[in-house]
Amino acid sequence: MKQIEAFVNEAYHSVGGNKQEIAEIKAEMKNHLLEAVYELKEEGKSEEEAIEIAITRFGGEKEMRSIVRQLFQAQKTFAKWVLWLAVIVLFTSLALFEASKLYQQKNDIQNTNAATNMYTILQKDQNISEATKQKIVAIVQSTDHIAQVKIYNVHDLEAESGSPSIWANGKEADPNYKIERHVWAPQWLMNDNYMYVTSDWYIKMETIHMEGFIHIALFAGLAVYIVLFTIWAIVNAYHHRRLHIGWVIAFALFNVIGYLAYVLASKAHHQKLAENSLT
């Protein structure tokens, strides 16, 4: 039935995309048309009439070509943007992870330096004079992440469990000196567990701590990337008419490796079909 063959070829003429994919869809459309022709012939139509009616039911040559082009373009555009978004999310999360890690490393170094410098100053002034306070304020303000500093003279603290402690009877002792300032950061990024303890002084600082955020950013980014990549892989497999639950699981669990396995399996399948068509 040359008319059917010509109609299908014309409908997909100049349609961009994967050649193997287009060939499979053309074959599927041809089979549908042939089935319709056979059914119409069984109803008493002549072959010429049956072919004309079947083609008309498909919308005609011009309309069919327009629909096919729009469908392929929409599919290609959607898949392309999903893949690009997945890649952007992946690299953004990795960059954010690395930047946050470097920022935290810088903070750790500054915390140690700040506490060490405060201790050096305090050793020269056990009474914490105004001059000493100004020096401590200057140290804190030289950083961008220290929000609070509490300084305790160990000799003024009550002994609990045999050693001086800032906690007594379930309450925190009043510090000998305290400085607070506003630091731009959400409260959940603040951590007040940085402590510098010597035989004379107990320095406790509240600082920006990125440790929790580092892991949240990484795992959230990877989760979004995996979902988007899985959607892209599913769309591609669906377009190739080879989608089934096994590949969905492979894409979700093994990501790029799962998709590479799908590509290799598809190539083997097409090669087998080509060999069978020659025999």
Foldseek 3Di string as FASTA:
>chain_A
DVVLVVLLCLLCPPADDDPLLSVVVSVVSSVVLVVQLVVVVVVPDDSVVSNVVSCVVCPHRVVSSVVVNVVSVVLVVVLVVLLVVLVVLQVVLVVVLVVLVVVQVVVVVLLVVLVVVLVVLCVVPVLCDPVSVVVNVVSQVVDQWWFKKFKAFLVPADDDPRGGDLDDPRDGHHGSDMDGDDHPDDPVQKDFQDWDDDPTMIMIIITGHCVVVSVVSNVVSVVSSLVSLLVSLQSVCVSSVNDDPVLSVLCNPVNPVSSVVVVVVVVVVVVVVVVVVVD
